[in-house]
Amino acid sequence: MATATSQLRVWLWAARPKTLGAAVAPVFVGTALAVEAGAWHPWAAALALLSAVFIQVGVNYHNDYTDYLQGADTEDRVGPLRVTQAGLVDPETMRRATVGMFGAAVLAGGYLIVRGGWPVLAIGAASIATAVWYTAGPYSLASLGLADLAVFVFFGPVAVGGTYYVQALACPPEVIAVGAGPGLFSVGILLVNNIRDVANDRAAGKRTLVVRVGRRAGVWLYGASLSGALLLPVALAAGTGGHWGAVAPLVLFPLVVRHTRTLATTDDPEALNPLLGATGRLLVLWAALFSVGWLLS
């Protein structure tokens, strides 16, 4: 029993629970928009959530596996535990687990494909392909400095729009625009990770956006991304002439300022680990405040 419990804990570490808000939050936002439009479909919403979580865990497993193979994860790394590098999971076992997670996402999305047709199939295929490309090989999205753009697109407009579409079977432009909020927060999560790991990534030849533009520019992008997400509901409310309750996330501005200052003034990479979870919690808070405000106004 103790061995089984320990093994389960290892797989939970590898799943990186602090990052799962990036998968869950856009599904909640897309569902709130569908509820307000009178198009809520509980079964489709639940399967969209399952599929999103499986894909996110698959991304994390694949990143654990490929970073180990490419030498980006070393003993000097100060981020959350990478189980392959630590010798807790064999690389081949991690590869199989990655395939299993993506397979589970396909199974969870099977009904959604039948319901929504080729757009859902295209979104699912593109999401998994991008997840694999994220850290695969010398021309991965991370190495090309394009991971931030991919994260914005797939954890923002695609996730929110896709969740809405599988319920309403339509997707108006304002839904895509709303998706920019979770997308910007997800970029912020990635920026914290890459600012913390900039020295190791540079040494391993992993040319993330932060490696390319520098730490100071990365901090500026973090603050701009989170501030942009908070200001987005104001633009949406002004543009639609309603839903002013959705500007509730503005109350998070003091936390955004505090977190940006922490990122700018903290030189110890290990001290940035709590900021990763804090940014993920901000995303969840934004999604909750926006969704409730949108529904009530």
Protein backbone atom coordinates (compact mmCIF):
# COMPACT_ATOMS: atom_id res chain seq x y z
CA MET A 1 0.00 0.00 0.00
CA ALA A 2 2.81 2.41 0.90
CA THR A 3 4.52 1.75 -2.44
CA ALA A 4 1.30 2.36 -4.37
CA THR A 5 0.68 5.58 -2.43
CA SER A 6 4.22 6.78 -3.11
CA GLN A 7 3.89 6.01 -6.81
CA LEU A 8 0.60 7.92 -6.99
CA ARG A 9 2.31 10.89 -5.35
CA VAL A 10 5.05 10.78 -8.00
CA TRP A 11 2.51 10.91 -10.83
CA LEU A 12 0.71 13.78 -9.11
CA TRP A 13 4.01 15.67 -8.92
CA ALA A 14 4.57 15.05 -12.62
CA ALA A 15 1.07 16.31 -13.42
CA ARG A 16 2.01 19.69 -11.85
CA PRO A 17 -1.32 20.50 -10.19
CA LYS A 18 -0.43 24.21 -9.91
CA THR A 19 -0.64 24.51 -13.70
CA LEU A 20 -4.02 22.80 -14.10
CA GLY A 21 -5.90 26.05 -13.52
CA ALA A 22 -4.79 27.03 -17.02
CA ALA A 23 -6.83 24.11 -18.37
CA VAL A 24 -9.83 24.41 -16.05
CA ALA A 25 -10.39 28.19 -16.02
CA PRO A 26 -11.13 28.70 -19.75
CA VAL A 27 -13.63 25.82 -19.70
CA PHE A 28 -15.49 27.47 -16.82
CA VAL A 29 -15.48 30.80 -18.65
CA GLY A 30 -16.73 29.26 -21.89
CA THR A 31 -19.44 27.42 -19.98
CA ALA A 32 -20.54 30.60 -18.18
CA LEU A 33 -20.88 32.32 -21.55
CA ALA A 34 -22.95 29.38 -22.82
CA VAL A 35 -25.19 29.49 -19.73
CA GLU A 36 -25.83 33.21 -20.22
CA ALA A 37 -26.68 32.59 -23.89
CA GLY A 38 -29.15 29.85 -22.94
CA ALA A 39 -27.02 27.18 -24.63
CA TRP A 40 -25.67 25.26 -21.62
CA HIS A 41 -25.10 21.57 -22.35
CA PRO A 42 -23.91 19.89 -19.10
CA TRP A 43 -22.63 16.67 -20.73
CA ALA A 44 -20.62 18.56 -23.35
CA ALA A 45 -19.24 20.94 -20.72
CA ALA A 46 -18.12 18.07 -18.48
CA LEU A 47 -16.39 16.24 -21.34
CA ALA A 48 -14.71 19.46 -22.48
CA LEU A 49 -13.33 19.87 -18.96
CA LEU A 50 -12.07 16.28 -18.84
CA SER A 51 -10.44 16.57 -22.25
CA ALA A 52 -8.75 19.86 -21.31
CA VAL A 53 -7.32 18.41 -18.09
CA PHE A 54 -6.04 15.26 -19.85
CA ILE A 55 -4.32 17.38 -22.51
CA GLN A 56 -2.72 19.62 -19.86
CA VAL A 57 -1.42 16.63 -17.90
CA GLY A 58 -0.17 15.14 -21.16
CA VAL A 59 1.68 18.37 -21.91
CA ASN A 60 3.29 18.29 -18.46
CA TYR A 61 4.30 14.62 -18.78
CA HIS A 62 5.72 15.24 -22.26
CA ASN A 63 7.64 18.29 -21.04
CA ASP A 64 9.08 16.25 -18.15
CA TYR A 65 10.17 13.56 -20.63
CA THR A 66 11.62 15.75 -23.40
CA ASP A 67 13.40 18.23 -21.12
CA TYR A 68 15.17 15.28 -19.51
CA LEU A 69 16.24 13.90 -22.90
CA GLN A 70 17.44 17.30 -24.13
CA GLY A 71 19.35 18.11 -20.94
CA ALA A 72 17.22 21.09 -19.95
CA ASP A 73 16.50 19.46 -16.57
CA THR A 74 19.68 19.03 -14.54
CA GLU A 75 20.60 18.69 -10.88
CA ASP A 76 21.01 22.49 -10.77
CA ARG A 77 17.36 23.10 -11.66
CA VAL A 78 15.44 24.87 -8.89
CA GLY A 79 11.87 24.54 -10.15
CA PRO A 80 9.26 21.99 -9.05
CA LEU A 81 10.44 18.39 -9.05
CA ARG A 82 10.84 16.79 -12.49
CA VAL A 83 10.32 13.11 -11.84
CA THR A 84 12.18 11.77 -14.88
CA GLN A 85 15.30 13.79 -14.11
CA ALA A 86 15.03 12.74 -10.45
CA GLY A 87 15.01 9.06 -11.46
CA LEU A 88 11.55 8.45 -10.02
CA VAL A 89 10.06 7.46 -13.38
CA ASP A 90 11.80 5.69 -16.24
CA PRO A 91 11.85 7.81 -19.45
CA GLU A 92 10.04 5.12 -21.47
CA THR A 93 7.35 4.88 -18.79
CA MET A 94 6.89 8.65 -18.93
CA ARG A 95 6.61 8.51 -22.72
CA ARG A 96 3.88 5.87 -22.47
CA ALA A 97 2.07 7.89 -19.81
CA THR A 98 2.13 10.89 -22.15
CA VAL A 99 0.57 8.84 -24.93
CA GLY A 100 -1.99 7.54 -22.44
CA MET A 101 -3.02 11.04 -21.38
CA PHE A 102 -3.46 12.20 -24.97
CA GLY A 103 -5.40 9.01 -25.72
CA ALA A 104 -7.68 9.70 -22.75
CA ALA A 105 -8.27 13.21 -24.10
CA VAL A 106 -9.32 11.74 -27.45
CA LEU A 107 -11.71 9.32 -25.74
CA ALA A 108 -13.22 12.09 -23.62
CA GLY A 109 -13.63 14.21 -26.73
CA GLY A 110 -15.21 11.49 -28.87
CA TYR A 111 -18.77 12.56 -28.10
CA LEU A 112 -17.81 16.19 -28.63
CA ILE A 113 -16.51 15.35 -32.12
CA VAL A 114 -19.77 13.58 -32.95
CA ARG A 115 -21.76 16.52 -31.59
CA GLY A 116 -19.71 19.37 -33.05
CA GLY A 117 -18.28 17.82 -36.20
CA TRP A 118 -15.05 18.69 -37.97
CA PRO A 119 -14.35 21.98 -36.06
CA VAL A 120 -14.06 20.01 -32.82
CA LEU A 121 -11.89 17.38 -34.49
CA ALA A 122 -9.63 20.11 -35.88
CA ILE A 123 -9.32 21.82 -32.50
CA GLY A 124 -8.52 18.56 -30.73
CA ALA A 125 -5.95 17.48 -33.31
CA ALA A 126 -4.28 20.91 -33.33
CA SER A 127 -4.19 21.00 -29.52
CA ILE A 128 -2.47 17.63 -29.22
CA ALA A 129 -0.08 18.35 -32.11
CA THR A 130 0.90 21.65 -30.51
CA ALA A 131 1.34 19.96 -27.14
CA VAL A 132 3.80 17.48 -28.70
CA TRP A 133 5.60 20.21 -30.66
CA TYR A 134 5.88 22.32 -27.51
CA THR A 135 9.17 20.74 -26.40
CA ALA A 136 9.89 18.10 -29.04
CA GLY A 137 13.28 18.37 -30.70
CA PRO A 138 15.62 21.26 -31.52
CA TYR A 139 12.86 23.10 -33.40
CA SER A 140 10.26 22.87 -30.65
CA LEU A 141 7.98 25.80 -29.93
CA ALA A 142 9.88 26.45 -26.70
CA SER A 143 13.25 26.49 -28.47
CA LEU A 144 11.92 28.76 -31.22
CA GLY A 145 10.53 31.22 -28.68
CA LEU A 146 6.97 30.59 -29.90
CA ALA A 147 5.64 28.73 -26.88
CA ASP A 148 4.15 31.90 -25.39
CA LEU A 149 2.09 32.53 -28.52
CA ALA A 150 0.91 28.91 -28.60
CA VAL A 151 -0.07 29.05 -24.92
CA PHE A 152 -2.04 32.25 -25.49
CA VAL A 153 -3.94 30.81 -28.46
CA PHE A 154 -4.73 27.34 -27.11
CA PHE A 155 -5.32 28.21 -23.45
CA GLY A 156 -7.24 31.34 -24.39
CA PRO A 157 -9.43 31.87 -27.47
CA VAL A 158 -9.32 28.22 -28.59
CA ALA A 159 -10.17 26.81 -25.14
CA VAL A 160 -12.94 29.31 -24.37
CA GLY A 161 -14.30 29.30 -27.92
CA GLY A 162 -14.14 25.53 -28.18
CA THR A 163 -15.94 25.05 -24.86
CA TYR A 164 -18.69 27.43 -25.95
CA TYR A 165 -18.95 25.84 -29.40
CA VAL A 166 -19.47 22.26 -28.19
CA GLN A 167 -22.44 23.51 -26.18
CA ALA A 168 -23.98 26.16 -28.45
CA LEU A 169 -22.73 24.76 -31.80
CA ALA A 170 -21.88 28.36 -32.74
CA CYS A 171 -19.22 30.83 -31.62
CA PRO A 172 -19.80 34.60 -31.82
CA PRO A 173 -16.76 36.91 -32.01
CA GLU A 174 -17.14 38.21 -28.44
CA VAL A 175 -16.56 34.68 -27.11
CA ILE A 176 -13.20 34.54 -28.88
CA ALA A 177 -12.38 37.98 -27.49
CA VAL A 178 -13.18 36.83 -23.93
CA GLY A 179 -10.72 33.98 -24.42
CA ALA A 180 -7.87 36.48 -24.50
CA GLY A 181 -8.20 36.85 -20.72
CA PRO A 182 -7.31 33.27 -19.74
CA GLY A 183 -4.77 33.23 -22.58
CA LEU A 184 -2.90 36.22 -21.16
CA PHE A 185 -2.84 34.75 -17.67
CA SER A 186 -1.51 31.46 -19.05
CA VAL A 187 1.28 33.39 -20.77
CA GLY A 188 2.03 34.92 -17.38
CA ILE A 189 2.36 31.47 -15.80
CA LEU A 190 4.76 30.42 -18.54
CA LEU A 191 6.80 33.62 -18.16
CA VAL A 192 7.32 32.99 -14.44
CA ASN A 193 8.51 29.48 -15.25
CA ASN A 194 10.89 30.67 -17.98
CA ILE A 195 12.24 33.64 -16.01
CA ARG A 196 13.05 31.28 -13.15
CA ASP A 197 14.74 28.79 -15.50
CA VAL A 198 16.43 31.29 -17.83
CA ALA A 199 19.99 30.35 -16.84
CA ASN A 200 19.43 26.59 -17.23
CA ASP A 201 17.52 27.06 -20.50
CA ARG A 202 20.29 29.22 -21.94
CA ALA A 203 22.93 26.66 -20.96
CA ALA A 204 20.89 23.84 -22.54
CA GLY A 205 20.36 25.79 -25.78
CA LYS A 206 16.62 26.08 -25.13
CA ARG A 207 15.94 29.53 -26.58
CA THR A 208 12.68 30.48 -24.92
CA LEU A 209 11.25 33.95 -25.42
CA VAL A 210 12.81 35.04 -22.12
CA VAL A 211 16.22 33.75 -23.21
CA ARG A 212 15.84 35.73 -26.45
CA VAL A 213 14.58 39.05 -25.05
CA GLY A 214 16.13 38.99 -21.59
CA ARG A 215 14.87 38.83 -18.04
CA ARG A 216 13.85 42.49 -17.76
CA ALA A 217 11.69 42.31 -20.88
CA GLY A 218 10.20 39.06 -19.58
CA VAL A 219 9.15 40.79 -16.35
CA TRP A 220 7.60 43.63 -18.37
CA LEU A 221 5.69 41.11 -20.50
CA TYR A 222 4.41 39.41 -17.34
CA GLY A 223 3.02 42.65 -15.95
CA ALA A 224 1.57 43.65 -19.32
CA SER A 225 -0.10 40.25 -19.81
CA LEU A 226 -1.81 40.22 -16.43
CA SER A 227 -2.79 43.90 -16.64
CA GLY A 228 -4.20 43.33 -20.11
CA ALA A 229 -6.32 40.45 -18.82
CA LEU A 230 -7.76 42.67 -16.09
CA LEU A 231 -8.56 45.49 -18.51
CA LEU A 232 -10.11 43.20 -21.13
CA PRO A 233 -13.55 43.00 -19.43
CA VAL A 234 -13.76 46.80 -19.44
CA ALA A 235 -13.27 46.84 -23.21
CA LEU A 236 -15.78 44.01 -23.63
CA ALA A 237 -18.41 45.74 -21.50
CA ALA A 238 -17.92 49.00 -23.37
CA GLY A 239 -18.04 47.23 -26.72
CA THR A 240 -21.16 45.19 -25.98
CA GLY A 241 -22.94 47.95 -24.08
CA GLY A 242 -23.58 45.68 -21.12
CA HIS A 243 -22.21 43.06 -18.72
CA TRP A 244 -20.51 45.70 -16.59
CA GLY A 245 -20.45 43.22 -13.72
CA ALA A 246 -17.74 41.39 -15.64
CA VAL A 247 -15.25 44.14 -14.73
CA ALA A 248 -15.09 42.61 -11.23
CA PRO A 249 -11.58 41.21 -11.91
CA LEU A 250 -10.27 44.78 -11.60
CA VAL A 251 -10.15 44.16 -7.84
CA LEU A 252 -7.15 41.90 -8.54
CA PHE A 253 -4.94 44.80 -9.67
CA PRO A 254 -3.12 45.15 -6.31
CA LEU A 255 -2.15 41.48 -6.51
CA VAL A 256 -0.91 41.89 -10.08
CA VAL A 257 1.25 44.83 -9.01
CA ARG A 258 2.60 42.86 -6.04
CA HIS A 259 3.42 39.78 -8.11
CA THR A 260 5.08 41.83 -10.85
CA ARG A 261 7.22 43.60 -8.26
CA THR A 262 8.19 40.24 -6.74
CA LEU A 263 9.22 38.93 -10.14
CA ALA A 264 11.25 42.07 -10.86
CA THR A 265 13.10 42.18 -7.54
CA THR A 266 13.70 38.49 -6.77
CA ASP A 267 17.10 37.25 -7.93
CA ASP A 268 16.89 33.81 -6.32
CA PRO A 269 15.22 31.47 -8.85
CA GLU A 270 14.04 29.11 -6.12
CA ALA A 271 12.15 31.95 -4.44
CA LEU A 272 10.03 32.31 -7.59
CA ASN A 273 8.42 28.87 -7.22
CA PRO A 274 5.55 30.22 -5.04
CA LEU A 275 4.85 32.88 -7.68
CA LEU A 276 4.05 30.14 -10.20
CA GLY A 277 1.17 28.90 -8.05
CA ALA A 278 0.13 32.44 -7.15
CA THR A 279 -0.24 33.38 -10.82
CA GLY A 280 -2.27 30.24 -11.43
CA ARG A 281 -4.58 31.20 -8.55
CA LEU A 282 -4.98 34.67 -10.06
CA LEU A 283 -6.16 33.04 -13.29
CA VAL A 284 -8.77 31.01 -11.39
CA LEU A 285 -9.90 34.10 -9.48
CA TRP A 286 -10.17 36.07 -12.74
CA ALA A 287 -12.27 33.32 -14.30
CA ALA A 288 -14.59 33.13 -11.27
CA LEU A 289 -15.05 36.90 -10.95
CA PHE A 290 -15.54 37.40 -14.68
CA SER A 291 -17.97 34.50 -15.04
CA VAL A 292 -20.16 35.50 -12.09
CA GLY A 293 -20.10 39.15 -13.13
CA TRP A 294 -21.02 38.27 -16.72
CA LEU A 295 -23.91 36.06 -15.61
CA LEU A 296 -25.32 38.60 -13.14
CA SER A 297 -25.17 41.69 -15.36
